[in-house]
PDB file of N, CA and C in Angstrom:
ATOM      1  N   MET A   1       0.836  -1.179   0.000  1.00  0.00           N
ATOM      2  CA  MET A   1       0.000   0.000   0.000  1.00  0.00           C
ATOM      3  C   MET A   1       0.883   1.245   0.000  1.00  0.00           C
ATOM      4  N   ARG A   2       0.588   2.133  -0.935  1.00  0.00           N
ATOM      5  CA  ARG A   2       1.399   3.339  -1.095  1.00  0.00           C
ATOM      6  C   ARG A   2       0.751   4.503  -0.359  1.00  0.00           C
ATOM      7  N   VAL A   3       1.553   5.241   0.390  1.00  0.00           N
ATOM      8  CA  VAL A   3       1.044   6.398   1.135  1.00  0.00           C
ATOM      9  C   VAL A   3       1.403   7.657   0.347  1.00  0.00           C
ATOM     10  N   GLU A   4       0.402   8.460   0.049  1.00  0.00           N
ATOM     11  CA  GLU A   4       0.611   9.708  -0.677  1.00  0.00           C
ATOM     12  C   GLU A   4       1.292  10.724   0.231  1.00  0.00           C
ATOM     13  N   GLN A   5       2.372  11.308  -0.264  1.00  0.00           N
ATOM     14  CA  GLN A   5       3.035  12.379   0.465  1.00  0.00           C
ATOM     15  C   GLN A   5       2.243  13.662   0.226  1.00  0.00           C
ATOM     16  N   PRO A   6       2.071  14.489   1.253  1.00  0.00           N
ATOM     17  CA  PRO A   6       1.358  15.754   1.029  1.00  0.00           C
ATOM     18  C   PRO A   6       2.184  16.644   0.104  1.00  0.00           C
ATOM     19  N   LYS A   7       1.502  17.317  -0.817  1.00  0.00           N
ATOM     20  CA  LYS A   7       2.200  18.225  -1.722  1.00  0.00           C
ATOM     21  C   LYS A   7       2.545  19.492  -0.972  1.00  0.00           C
ATOM     22  N   LEU A   8       3.746  20.013  -1.259  1.00  0.00           N
ATOM     23  CA  LEU A   8       4.236  21.198  -0.568  1.00  0.00           C
ATOM     24  C   LEU A   8       4.456  22.336  -1.553  1.00  0.00           C
ATOM     25  N   CYS A   9       4.289  23.553  -1.074  1.00  0.00           N
ATOM     26  CA  CYS A   9       4.520  24.765  -1.866  1.00  0.00           C
ATOM     27  C   CYS A   9       5.974  24.776  -2.322  1.00  0.00           C
ATOM     28  N   LEU A  10       6.187  25.046  -3.602  1.00  0.00           N
ATOM     29  CA  LEU A  10       7.540  25.070  -4.154  1.00  0.00           C
ATOM     30  C   LEU A  10       8.394  26.202  -3.586  1.00  0.00           C
ATOM     31  N   GLU A  11       7.774  27.220  -3.038  1.00  0.00           N
ATOM     32  CA  GLU A  11       8.523  28.368  -2.511  1.00  0.00           C
ATOM     33  C   GLU A  11       8.780  28.252  -1.019  1.00  0.00           C
ATOM     34  N   CYS A  12       7.735  28.040  -0.231  1.00  0.00           N
ATOM     35  CA  CYS A  12       7.903  28.086   1.227  1.00  0.00           C
ATOM     36  C   CYS A  12       7.821  26.723   1.915  1.00  0.00           C
ATOM     37  N   GLY A  13       7.382  25.700   1.189  1.00  0.00           N
ATOM     38  CA  GLY A  13       7.299  24.365   1.771  1.00  0.00           C
ATOM     39  C   GLY A  13       6.029  24.097   2.561  1.00  0.00           C
ATOM     40  N   GLU A  14       5.122  25.032   2.569  1.00  0.00           N
ATOM     41  CA  GLU A  14       3.838  24.886   3.270  1.00  0.00           C
ATOM     42  C   GLU A  14       3.002  23.792   2.593  1.00  0.00           C
ATOM     43  N   LYS A  15       2.232  23.048   3.388  1.00  0.00           N
ATOM     44  CA  LYS A  15       1.357  22.010   2.847  1.00  0.00           C
ATOM     45  C   LYS A  15       0.270  22.669   1.992  1.00  0.00           C
ATOM     46  N   LEU A  16       0.044  22.095   0.814  1.00  0.00           N
ATOM     47  CA  LEU A  16      -0.934  22.663  -0.115  1.00  0.00           C
ATOM     48  C   LEU A  16      -2.318  22.067   0.112  1.00  0.00           C
ATOM     49  N   LYS A  17      -3.307  22.927  -0.023  1.00  0.00           N
ATOM     50  CA  LYS A  17      -4.705  22.502   0.078  1.00  0.00           C
ATOM     51  C   LYS A  17      -5.403  22.912  -1.201  1.00  0.00           C
ATOM     52  N   GLY A  18      -6.365  22.106  -1.607  1.00  0.00           N
ATOM     53  CA  GLY A  18      -7.116  22.468  -2.811  1.00  0.00           C
ATOM     54  C   GLY A  18      -6.819  21.543  -3.966  1.00  0.00           C
ATOM     55  N   ARG A  19      -6.710  22.128  -5.149  1.00  0.00           N
ATOM     56  CA  ARG A  19      -6.535  21.357  -6.378  1.00  0.00           C
ATOM     57  C   ARG A  19      -5.312  20.443  -6.304  1.00  0.00           C
ATOM     58  N   PRO A  20      -5.400  19.270  -6.901  1.00  0.00           N
ATOM     59  CA  PRO A  20      -4.274  18.334  -6.840  1.00  0.00           C
ATOM     60  C   PRO A  20      -3.050  18.788  -7.653  1.00  0.00           C
ATOM     61  N   ASP A  21      -3.244  19.694  -8.628  1.00  0.00           N
ATOM     62  CA  ASP A  21      -2.116  20.160  -9.433  1.00  0.00           C
ATOM     63  C   ASP A  21      -1.541  21.492  -8.953  1.00  0.00           C
ATOM     64  N   LYS A  22      -1.978  21.936  -7.800  1.00  0.00           N
ATOM     65  CA  LYS A  22      -1.528  23.196  -7.233  1.00  0.00           C
ATOM     66  C   LYS A  22      -0.048  23.115  -6.868  1.00  0.00           C
ATOM     67  N   LYS A  23       0.712  24.191  -7.105  1.00  0.00           N
ATOM     68  CA  LYS A  23       2.148  24.193  -6.828  1.00  0.00           C
ATOM     69  C   LYS A  23       2.553  25.203  -5.755  1.00  0.00           C
ATOM     70  N   PHE A  24       1.707  26.210  -5.520  1.00  0.00           N
ATOM     71  CA  PHE A  24       2.033  27.274  -4.572  1.00  0.00           C
ATOM     72  C   PHE A  24       0.863  27.503  -3.626  1.00  0.00           C
ATOM     73  N   CYS A  25       1.185  27.936  -2.416  1.00  0.00           N
ATOM     74  CA  CYS A  25       0.128  28.164  -1.431  1.00  0.00           C
ATOM     75  C   CYS A  25      -0.522  29.534  -1.587  1.00  0.00           C
ATOM     76  N   SER A  26       0.148  30.464  -2.270  1.00  0.00           N
ATOM     77  CA  SER A  26      -0.399  31.811  -2.430  1.00  0.00           C
ATOM     78  C   SER A  26       0.196  32.477  -3.667  1.00  0.00           C
ATOM     79  N   ASP A  27      -0.427  33.582  -4.071  1.00  0.00           N
ATOM     80  CA  ASP A  27       0.109  34.363  -5.191  1.00  0.00           C
ATOM     81  C   ASP A  27       1.483  34.921  -4.839  1.00  0.00           C
ATOM     82  N   GLN A  28       1.678  35.296  -3.588  1.00  0.00           N
ATOM     83  CA  GLN A  28       2.960  35.845  -3.150  1.00  0.00           C
ATOM     84  C   GLN A  28       4.075  34.810  -3.331  1.00  0.00           C
ATOM     85  N   CYS A  29       3.818  33.564  -2.937  1.00  0.00           N
ATOM     86  CA  CYS A  29       4.826  32.510  -3.114  1.00  0.00           C
ATOM     87  C   CYS A  29       5.087  32.241  -4.597  1.00  0.00           C
ATOM     88  N   ARG A  30       4.046  32.235  -5.420  1.00  0.00           N
ATOM     89  CA  ARG A  30       4.210  32.013  -6.854  1.00  0.00           C
ATOM     90  C   ARG A  30       5.070  33.118  -7.464  1.00  0.00           C
ATOM     91  N   THR A  31       4.787  34.365  -7.095  1.00  0.00           N
ATOM     92  CA  THR A  31       5.543  35.500  -7.614  1.00  0.00           C
ATOM     93  C   THR A  31       6.994  35.454  -7.140  1.00  0.00           C
ATOM     94  N   SER A  32       7.205  35.176  -5.877  1.00  0.00           N
ATOM     95  CA  SER A  32       8.571  35.097  -5.334  1.00  0.00           C
ATOM     96  C   SER A  32       9.376  34.010  -6.025  1.00  0.00           C
ATOM     97  N   TYR A  33       8.756  32.865  -6.215  1.00  0.00           N
ATOM     98  CA  TYR A  33       9.422  31.731  -6.870  1.00  0.00           C
ATOM     99  C   TYR A  33       9.835  32.116  -8.294  1.00  0.00           C
ATOM    100  N   ASN A  34       8.919  32.687  -9.052  1.00  0.00           N
ATOM    101  CA  ASN A  34       9.206  33.060 -10.436  1.00  0.00           C
ATOM    102  C   ASN A  34      10.221  34.196 -10.526  1.00  0.00           C
ATOM    103  N   ASN A  35      10.168  35.154  -9.607  1.00  0.00           N
ATOM    104  CA  ASN A  35      11.156  36.235  -9.594  1.00  0.00           C
ATOM    105  C   ASN A  35      12.547  35.682  -9.321  1.00  0.00           C
ATOM    106  N   ARG A  36      12.646  34.740  -8.416  1.00  0.00           N
ATOM    107  CA  ARG A  36      13.926  34.125  -8.099  1.00  0.00           C
ATOM    108  C   ARG A  36      14.429  33.305  -9.294  1.00  0.00           C
ATOM    109  N   LEU A  37      13.520  32.566  -9.914  1.00  0.00           N
ATOM    110  CA  LEU A  37      13.866  31.733 -11.060  1.00  0.00           C
ATOM    111  C   LEU A  37      14.363  32.563 -12.240  1.00  0.00           C
ATOM    112  N   ASN A  38      13.713  33.676 -12.483  1.00  0.00           N
ATOM    113  CA  ASN A  38      14.067  34.570 -13.599  1.00  0.00           C
ATOM    114  C   ASN A  38      14.827  35.778 -13.065  1.00  0.00           C
ATOM    115  N   GLY A  39      15.886  35.539 -12.334  1.00  0.00           N
ATOM    116  CA  GLY A  39      16.644  36.585 -11.649  1.00  0.00           C
ATOM    117  C   GLY A  39      16.955  37.798 -12.496  1.00  0.00           C
ATOM    118  N   ALA A  40      17.058  38.929 -11.857  1.00  0.00           N
ATOM    119  CA  ALA A  40      17.298  40.204 -12.533  1.00  0.00           C
ATOM    120  C   ALA A  40      18.597  40.191 -13.326  1.00  0.00           C
ATOM    121  N   GLY A  41      19.628  39.500 -12.824  1.00  0.00           N
ATOM    122  CA  GLY A  41      20.897  39.432 -13.544  1.00  0.00           C
ATOM    123  C   GLY A  41      20.738  38.808 -14.908  1.00  0.00           C
ATOM    124  N   ASN A  42      20.010  37.706 -14.976  1.00  0.00           N
ATOM    125  CA  ASN A  42      19.774  37.040 -16.257  1.00  0.00           C
ATOM    126  C   ASN A  42      18.944  37.916 -17.179  1.00  0.00           C
ATOM    127  N   LEU A  43      17.940  38.575 -16.625  1.00  0.00           N
ATOM    128  CA  LEU A  43      17.076  39.411 -17.453  1.00  0.00           C
ATOM    129  C   LEU A  43      17.846  40.573 -18.058  1.00  0.00           C
ATOM    130  N   ASN A  44      18.753  41.166 -17.290  1.00  0.00           N
ATOM    131  CA  ASN A  44      19.544  42.274 -17.827  1.00  0.00           C
ATOM    132  C   ASN A  44      20.430  41.805 -18.968  1.00  0.00           C
ATOM    133  N   TYR A  45      21.042  40.650 -18.824  1.00  0.00           N
ATOM    134  CA  TYR A  45      21.890  40.114 -19.890  1.00  0.00           C
ATOM    135  C   TYR A  45      21.068  39.876 -21.153  1.00  0.00           C
ATOM    136  N   VAL A  46      19.925  39.216 -20.999  1.00  0.00           N
ATOM    137  CA  VAL A  46      19.053  38.928 -22.148  1.00  0.00           C
ATOM    138  C   VAL A  46      18.579  40.224 -22.786  1.00  0.00           C
ATOM    139  N   ARG A  47      18.171  41.174 -21.973  1.00  0.00           N
ATOM    140  CA  ARG A  47      17.697  42.463 -22.489  1.00  0.00           C
ATOM    141  C   ARG A  47      18.798  43.167 -23.280  1.00  0.00           C
ATOM    142  N   ASN A  48      20.031  43.130 -22.773  1.00  0.00           N
ATOM    143  CA  ASN A  48      21.146  43.780 -23.476  1.00  0.00           C
ATOM    144  C   ASN A  48      21.438  43.110 -24.810  1.00  0.00           C
ATOM    145  N   VAL A  49      21.427  41.776 -24.861  1.00  0.00           N
ATOM    146  CA  VAL A  49      21.677  41.058 -26.108  1.00  0.00           C
ATOM    147  C   VAL A  49      20.577  41.363 -27.121  1.00  0.00           C
ATOM    148  N   ILE A  50      19.335  41.356 -26.681  1.00  0.00           N
ATOM    149  CA  ILE A  50      18.225  41.664 -27.585  1.00  0.00           C
ATOM    150  C   ILE A  50      18.347  43.083 -28.132  1.00  0.00           C
ATOM    151  N   ASN A  51      18.755  44.022 -27.293  1.00  0.00           N
ATOM    152  CA  ASN A  51      18.942  45.400 -27.767  1.00  0.00           C
ATOM    153  C   ASN A  51      20.041  45.487 -28.822  1.00  0.00           C
ATOM    154  N   ILE A  52      21.135  44.761 -28.634  1.00  0.00           N
ATOM    155  CA  ILE A  52      22.217  44.740 -29.627  1.00  0.00           C
ATOM    156  C   ILE A  52      21.705  44.147 -30.939  1.00  0.00           C
ATOM    157  N   LEU A  53      20.967  43.028 -30.853  1.00  0.00           N
ATOM    158  CA  LEU A  53      20.425  42.396 -32.064  1.00  0.00           C
ATOM    159  C   LEU A  53      19.459  43.319 -32.789  1.00  0.00           C
ATOM    160  N   ARG A  54      18.614  44.007 -32.046  1.00  0.00           N
ATOM    161  CA  ARG A  54      17.654  44.927 -32.671  1.00  0.00           C
ATOM    162  C   ARG A  54      18.374  46.093 -33.337  1.00  0.00           C
ATOM    163  N   ARG A  55      19.428  46.608 -32.669  1.00  0.00           N
ATOM    164  CA  ARG A  55      20.200  47.703 -33.262  1.00  0.00           C
ATOM    165  C   ARG A  55      20.893  47.216 -34.542  1.00  0.00           C
ATOM    166  N   ASN A  56      21.501  46.019 -34.497  1.00  0.00           N
ATOM    167  CA  ASN A  56      22.127  45.460 -35.695  1.00  0.00           C
ATOM    168  C   ASN A  56      21.125  45.325 -36.832  1.00  0.00           C
ATOM    169  N   ARG A  57      19.925  44.822 -36.534  1.00  0.00           N
ATOM    170  CA  ARG A  57      18.896  44.661 -37.556  1.00  0.00           C
ATOM    171  C   ARG A  57      18.502  46.016 -38.154  1.00  0.00           C
ATOM    172  N   ARG A  58      18.325  47.013 -37.276  1.00  0.00           N
ATOM    173  CA  ARG A  58      17.948  48.349 -37.738  1.00  0.00           C
ATOM    174  C   ARG A  58      19.025  48.934 -38.643  1.00  0.00           C
ATOM    175  N   ILE A  59      20.297  48.774 -38.263  1.00  0.00           N
ATOM    176  CA  ILE A  59      21.407  49.278 -39.071  1.00  0.00           C
ATOM    177  C   ILE A  59      21.415  48.610 -40.440  1.00  0.00           C
ATOM    178  N   LEU A  60      21.303  47.301 -40.471  1.00  0.00           N
ATOM    179  CA  LEU A  60      21.290  46.586 -41.754  1.00  0.00           C
ATOM    180  C   LEU A  60      20.116  47.034 -42.616  1.00  0.00           C
ATOM    181  N   SER A  61      18.969  47.189 -41.998  1.00  0.00           N
ATOM    182  CA  SER A  61      17.768  47.596 -42.728  1.00  0.00           C
ATOM    183  C   SER A  61      17.921  49.001 -43.314  1.00  0.00           C
ATOM    184  N   GLU A  62      18.484  49.918 -42.527  1.00  0.00           N
ATOM    185  CA  GLU A  62      18.654  51.297 -43.006  1.00  0.00           C
ATOM    186  C   GLU A  62      19.688  51.390 -44.123  1.00  0.00           C
ATOM    187  N   LEU A  63      20.724  50.558 -44.057  1.00  0.00           N
ATOM    188  CA  LEU A  63      21.768  50.594 -45.080  1.00  0.00           C
ATOM    189  C   LEU A  63      21.410  49.783 -46.326  1.00  0.00           C
ATOM    190  N   ASN A  64      20.282  49.072 -46.279  1.00  0.00           N
ATOM    191  CA  ASN A  64      19.901  48.198 -47.383  1.00  0.00           C
ATOM    192  C   ASN A  64      18.451  48.454 -47.827  1.00  0.00           C
ATOM    193  N   PRO A  65      18.167  49.632 -48.333  1.00  0.00           N
ATOM    194  CA  PRO A  65      16.782  49.959 -48.713  1.00  0.00           C
ATOM    195  C   PRO A  65      16.263  49.180 -49.915  1.00  0.00           C
ATOM    196  N   THR A  66      17.169  48.666 -50.759  1.00  0.00           N
ATOM    197  CA  THR A  66      16.735  47.970 -51.977  1.00  0.00           C
ATOM    198  C   THR A  66      16.651  46.456 -51.813  1.00  0.00           C
ATOM    199  N   GLY A  67      17.157  45.920 -50.705  1.00  0.00           N
ATOM    200  CA  GLY A  67      17.124  44.477 -50.498  1.00  0.00           C
ATOM    201  C   GLY A  67      18.416  43.772 -50.845  1.00  0.00           C
ATOM    202  N   LYS A  68      19.331  44.483 -51.525  1.00  0.00           N
ATOM    203  CA  LYS A  68      20.637  43.911 -51.862  1.00  0.00           C
ATOM    204  C   LYS A  68      21.600  45.071 -52.090  1.00  0.00           C
ATOM    205  N   THR A  69      22.563  45.225 -51.172  1.00  0.00           N
ATOM    206  CA  THR A  69      23.469  46.373 -51.201  1.00  0.00           C
ATOM    207  C   THR A  69      24.849  45.947 -50.750  1.00  0.00           C
ATOM    208  N   ARG A  70      25.868  46.591 -51.285  1.00  0.00           N
ATOM    209  CA  ARG A  70      27.245  46.394 -50.807  1.00  0.00           C
ATOM    210  C   ARG A  70      27.617  47.564 -49.907  1.00  0.00           C
ATOM    211  N   VAL A  71      28.322  47.235 -48.830  1.00  0.00           N
ATOM    212  CA  VAL A  71      28.750  48.275 -47.896  1.00  0.00           C
ATOM    213  C   VAL A  71      30.094  47.857 -47.303  1.00  0.00           C
ATOM    214  N   LEU A  72      30.911  48.842 -46.949  1.00  0.00           N
ATOM    215  CA  LEU A  72      32.228  48.563 -46.369  1.00  0.00           C
ATOM    216  C   LEU A  72      32.130  48.332 -44.858  1.00  0.00           C
ATOM    217  N   ARG A  73      33.074  47.540 -44.359  1.00  0.00           N
ATOM    218  CA  ARG A  73      33.139  47.260 -42.918  1.00  0.00           C
ATOM    219  C   ARG A  73      33.201  48.566 -42.118  1.00  0.00           C
ATOM    220  N   GLU A  74      33.980  49.519 -42.592  1.00  0.00           N
ATOM    221  CA  GLU A  74      34.137  50.788 -41.881  1.00  0.00           C
ATOM    222  C   GLU A  74      32.795  51.506 -41.706  1.00  0.00           C
ATOM    223  N   LYS A  75      31.947  51.421 -42.713  1.00  0.00           N
ATOM    224  CA  LYS A  75      30.617  52.062 -42.638  1.00  0.00           C
ATOM    225  C   LYS A  75      29.778  51.391 -41.556  1.00  0.00           C
ATOM    226  N   LEU A  76      29.785  50.053 -41.515  1.00  0.00           N
ATOM    227  CA  LEU A  76      29.032  49.326 -40.489  1.00  0.00           C
ATOM    228  C   LEU A  76      29.564  49.648 -39.097  1.00  0.00           C
ATOM    229  N   GLN A  77      30.880  49.680 -38.945  1.00  0.00           N
ATOM    230  CA  GLN A  77      31.477  49.990 -37.648  1.00  0.00           C
ATOM    231  C   GLN A  77      31.161  51.422 -37.229  1.00  0.00           C
ATOM    232  N   ALA A  78      31.172  52.343 -38.186  1.00  0.00           N
ATOM    233  CA  ALA A  78      30.930  53.754 -37.877  1.00  0.00           C
ATOM    234  C   ALA A  78      29.527  53.992 -37.317  1.00  0.00           C
ATOM    235  N   VAL A  79      28.571  53.183 -37.730  1.00  0.00           N
ATOM    236  CA  VAL A  79      27.199  53.371 -37.240  1.00  0.00           C
ATOM    237  C   VAL A  79      26.882  52.456 -36.050  1.00  0.00           C
ATOM    238  N   GLY A  80      27.884  51.745 -35.542  1.00  0.00           N
ATOM    239  CA  GLY A  80      27.713  50.976 -34.313  1.00  0.00           C
ATOM    240  C   GLY A  80      27.318  49.524 -34.479  1.00  0.00           C
ATOM    241  N   PHE A  81      27.517  48.962 -35.655  1.00  0.00           N
ATOM    242  CA  PHE A  81      27.172  47.557 -35.875  1.00  0.00           C
ATOM    243  C   PHE A  81      28.109  46.665 -35.065  1.00  0.00           C
ATOM    244  N   ASN A  82      27.556  45.635 -34.395  1.00  0.00           N
ATOM    245  CA  ASN A  82      28.340  44.713 -33.578  1.00  0.00           C
ATOM    246  C   ASN A  82      28.372  43.354 -34.287  1.00  0.00           C
ATOM    247  N   PHE A  83      29.532  42.988 -34.820  1.00  0.00           N
ATOM    248  CA  PHE A  83      29.680  41.768 -35.615  1.00  0.00           C
ATOM    249  C   PHE A  83      29.600  40.491 -34.777  1.00  0.00           C
ATOM    250  N   GLU A  84      29.672  40.604 -33.469  1.00  0.00           N
ATOM    251  CA  GLU A  84      29.652  39.418 -32.611  1.00  0.00           C
ATOM    252  C   GLU A  84      28.244  38.871 -32.374  1.00  0.00           C
ATOM    253  N   TYR A  85      27.215  39.645 -32.705  1.00  0.00           N
ATOM    254  CA  TYR A  85      25.852  39.241 -32.402  1.00  0.00           C
ATOM    255  C   TYR A  85      25.018  39.096 -33.664  1.00  0.00           C
ATOM    256  N   PHE A  86      24.426  37.924 -33.829  1.00  0.00           N
ATOM    257  CA  PHE A  86      23.525  37.643 -34.948  1.00  0.00           C
ATOM    258  C   PHE A  86      22.605  36.513 -34.503  1.00  0.00           C
ATOM    259  N   THR A  87      21.483  36.336 -35.196  1.00  0.00           N
ATOM    260  CA  THR A  87      20.487  35.346 -34.765  1.00  0.00           C
ATOM    261  C   THR A  87      20.611  34.009 -35.477  1.00  0.00           C
ATOM    262  N   SER A  88      21.153  33.990 -36.690  1.00  0.00           N
ATOM    263  CA  SER A  88      21.277  32.720 -37.404  1.00  0.00           C
ATOM    264  C   SER A  88      22.349  32.811 -38.476  1.00  0.00           C
ATOM    265  N   ILE A  89      22.751  31.632 -38.948  1.00  0.00           N
ATOM    266  CA  ILE A  89      23.737  31.523 -40.022  1.00  0.00           C
ATOM    267  C   ILE A  89      23.132  30.640 -41.113  1.00  0.00           C
ATOM    268  N   TYR A  90      23.340  31.053 -42.345  1.00  0.00           N
ATOM    269  CA  TYR A  90      22.903  30.251 -43.488  1.00  0.00           C
ATOM    270  C   TYR A  90      24.121  29.999 -44.367  1.00  0.00           C
ATOM    271  N   THR A  91      24.406  28.741 -44.643  1.00  0.00           N
ATOM    272  CA  THR A  91      25.527  28.375 -45.500  1.00  0.00           C
ATOM    273  C   THR A  91      24.977  27.871 -46.837  1.00  0.00           C
ATOM    274  N   THR A  92      25.452  28.477 -47.927  1.00  0.00           N
ATOM    275  CA  THR A  92      25.007  28.055 -49.260  1.00  0.00           C
ATOM    276  C   THR A  92      25.723  26.773 -49.657  1.00  0.00           C
ATOM    277  N   ARG A  93      25.272  26.146 -50.732  1.00  0.00           N
ATOM    278  CA  ARG A  93      25.924  24.936 -51.240  1.00  0.00           C
ATOM    279  C   ARG A  93      27.381  25.195 -51.604  1.00  0.00           C
ATOM    280  N   GLU A  94      27.654  26.422 -52.031  1.00  0.00           N
ATOM    281  CA  GLU A  94      29.021  26.788 -52.413  1.00  0.00           C
ATOM    282  C   GLU A  94      29.894  27.105 -51.206  1.00  0.00           C
ATOM    283  N   GLY A  95      29.292  27.161 -50.012  1.00  0.00           N
ATOM    284  CA  GLY A  95      30.054  27.420 -48.794  1.00  0.00           C
ATOM    285  C   GLY A  95      30.046  28.862 -48.323  1.00  0.00           C
ATOM    286  N   ALA A  96      29.280  29.734 -48.981  1.00  0.00           N
ATOM    287  CA  ALA A  96      29.184  31.126 -48.537  1.00  0.00           C
ATOM    288  C   ALA A  96      28.407  31.172 -47.223  1.00  0.00           C
ATOM    289  N   LEU A  97      28.885  31.982 -46.289  1.00  0.00           N
ATOM    290  CA  LEU A  97      28.319  32.039 -44.944  1.00  0.00           C
ATOM    291  C   LEU A  97      27.585  33.361 -44.731  1.00  0.00           C
ATOM    292  N   TYR A  98      26.264  33.314 -44.746  1.00  0.00           N
ATOM    293  CA  TYR A  98      25.445  34.496 -44.482  1.00  0.00           C
ATOM    294  C   TYR A  98      25.077  34.509 -42.999  1.00  0.00           C
ATOM    295  N   LYS A  99      25.245  35.655 -42.361  1.00  0.00           N
ATOM    296  CA  LYS A  99      24.823  35.822 -40.972  1.00  0.00           C
ATOM    297  C   LYS A  99      23.618  36.749 -40.966  1.00  0.00           C
ATOM    298  N   PHE A 100      22.626  36.418 -40.125  1.00  0.00           N
ATOM    299  CA  PHE A 100      21.389  37.183 -40.085  1.00  0.00           C
ATOM    300  C   PHE A 100      21.113  37.740 -38.703  1.00  0.00           C
ATOM    301  N   CYS A 101      20.553  38.931 -38.689  1.00  0.00           N
ATOM    302  CA  CYS A 101      19.940  39.525 -37.507  1.00  0.00           C
ATOM    303  C   CYS A 101      18.452  39.554 -37.844  1.00  0.00           C
ATOM    304  N   PHE A 102      17.779  38.503 -37.425  1.00  0.00           N
ATOM    305  CA  PHE A 102      16.388  38.268 -37.774  1.00  0.00           C
ATOM    306  C   PHE A 102      16.271  38.119 -39.290  1.00  0.00           C
ATOM    307  N   ASP A 103      15.630  39.048 -39.994  1.00  0.00           N
ATOM    308  CA  ASP A 103      15.453  38.910 -41.447  1.00  0.00           C
ATOM    309  C   ASP A 103      16.511  39.649 -42.257  1.00  0.00           C
ATOM    310  N   GLN A 104      17.364  40.417 -41.605  1.00  0.00           N
ATOM    311  CA  GLN A 104      18.394  41.199 -42.290  1.00  0.00           C
ATOM    312  C   GLN A 104      19.728  40.464 -42.192  1.00  0.00           C
ATOM    313  N   GLY A 105      20.368  40.232 -43.354  1.00  0.00           N
ATOM    314  CA  GLY A 105      21.591  39.450 -43.351  1.00  0.00           C
ATOM    315  C   GLY A 105      22.749  40.120 -44.051  1.00  0.00           C
ATOM    316  N   TYR A 106      23.918  39.512 -43.868  1.00  0.00           N
ATOM    317  CA  TYR A 106      25.111  40.030 -44.524  1.00  0.00           C
ATOM    318  C   TYR A 106      26.073  38.889 -44.827  1.00  0.00           C
ATOM    319  N   LEU A 107      26.818  39.078 -45.901  1.00  0.00           N
ATOM    320  CA  LEU A 107      27.830  38.127 -46.345  1.00  0.00           C
ATOM    321  C   LEU A 107      29.130  38.896 -46.482  1.00  0.00           C
ATOM    322  N   GLU A 108      30.177  38.439 -45.795  1.00  0.00           N
ATOM    323  CA  GLU A 108      31.469  39.112 -45.917  1.00  0.00           C
ATOM    324  C   GLU A 108      32.071  38.772 -47.271  1.00  0.00           C
ATOM    325  N   MET A 109      32.443  39.824 -47.989  1.00  0.00           N
ATOM    326  CA  MET A 109      33.018  39.676 -49.319  1.00  0.00           C
ATOM    327  C   MET A 109      34.512  39.985 -49.234  1.00  0.00           C
ATOM    328  N   GLU A 110      35.141  40.150 -50.364  1.00  0.00           N
ATOM    329  CA  GLU A 110      36.560  40.467 -50.417  1.00  0.00           C
ATOM    330  C   GLU A 110      36.815  41.916 -50.008  1.00  0.00           C
ATOM    331  N   LYS A 111      38.030  42.165 -49.540  1.00  0.00           N
ATOM    332  CA  LYS A 111      38.517  43.517 -49.241  1.00  0.00           C
ATOM    333  C   LYS A 111      37.633  44.267 -48.254  1.00  0.00           C
ATOM    334  N   GLY A 112      37.100  43.596 -47.257  1.00  0.00           N
ATOM    335  CA  GLY A 112      36.354  44.278 -46.193  1.00  0.00           C
ATOM    336  C   GLY A 112      35.003  44.818 -46.601  1.00  0.00           C
ATOM    337  N   SER A 113      34.418  44.279 -47.664  1.00  0.00           N
ATOM    338  CA  SER A 113      33.072  44.718 -48.033  1.00  0.00           C
ATOM    339  C   SER A 113      32.073  43.623 -47.683  1.00  0.00           C
ATOM    340  N   PHE A 114      30.833  44.019 -47.534  1.00  0.00           N
ATOM    341  CA  PHE A 114      29.759  43.113 -47.163  1.00  0.00           C
ATOM    342  C   PHE A 114      28.604  43.279 -48.126  1.00  0.00           C
ATOM    343  N   LEU A 115      27.992  42.156 -48.461  1.00  0.00           N
ATOM    344  CA  LEU A 115      26.767  42.162 -49.244  1.00  0.00           C
ATOM    345  C   LEU A 115      25.612  42.062 -48.254  1.00  0.00           C
ATOM    346  N   LEU A 116      24.749  43.068 -48.228  1.00  0.00           N
ATOM    347  CA  LEU A 116      23.585  43.063 -47.345  1.00  0.00           C
ATOM    348  C   LEU A 116      22.399  42.488 -48.109  1.00  0.00           C
ATOM    349  N   VAL A 117      21.659  41.605 -47.452  1.00  0.00           N
ATOM    350  CA  VAL A 117      20.514  40.946 -48.078  1.00  0.00           C
ATOM    351  C   VAL A 117      19.349  40.907 -47.097  1.00  0.00           C
ATOM    352  N   VAL A 118      18.186  40.566 -47.628  1.00  0.00           N
ATOM    353  CA  VAL A 118      16.993  40.392 -46.797  1.00  0.00           C
ATOM    354  C   VAL A 118      16.503  38.959 -47.000  1.00  0.00           C
ATOM    355  N   LYS A 119      16.234  38.264 -45.901  1.00  0.00           N
ATOM    356  CA  LYS A 119      15.741  36.889 -45.974  1.00  0.00           C
ATOM    357  C   LYS A 119      14.334  36.912 -46.540  1.00  0.00           C
ATOM    358  N   LYS A 120      14.092  36.043 -47.486  1.00  0.00           N
ATOM    359  CA  LYS A 120      12.762  35.961 -48.092  1.00  0.00           C
ATOM    360  C   LYS A 120      11.774  35.386 -47.094  1.00  0.00           C
ATOM    361  N   ASP A 121      10.570  35.943 -47.061  1.00  0.00           N
ATOM    362  CA  ASP A 121       9.509  35.448 -46.178  1.00  0.00           C
ATOM    363  C   ASP A 121       9.062  34.076 -46.644  1.00  0.00           C
ATOM    364  N   PRO A 122       9.100  33.052 -45.749  1.00  0.00           N
ATOM    365  CA  PRO A 122       8.747  31.697 -46.174  1.00  0.00           C
ATOM    366  C   PRO A 122       7.255  31.505 -46.425  1.00  0.00           C
ATOM    367  N   HIS A 123       6.428  32.464 -46.144  1.00  0.00           N
ATOM    368  CA  HIS A 123       4.970  32.297 -46.292  1.00  0.00           C
ATOM    369  C   HIS A 123       4.485  32.787 -47.617  1.00  0.00           C
TER     370      HIS A 123
END
């Protein structure tokens, strides 16, 4: 015969009453648990990376009004583009490596120039 252990609040350890799938004894415990789980330090890091990615996307978009443009590395650096951050990489059959910031991409060409492109909408 198996004895059921009483379910305890994930935050404070208090015995839970009510629904069998309940995890917290109160809204305060639920909020405290989630705040601790999603700590401010992690959120700041994520927020900063997202801001860099959004800025990179905006820069690529502004420098590429026609959908396909060549631009020099110096121009990208001058407007604050950060080459360390991108959302995806696409490698062609020929081995060309396109890096994307969401839908805006770039391919490093010869002599410090870049080909800016826009990812086609799959829909």
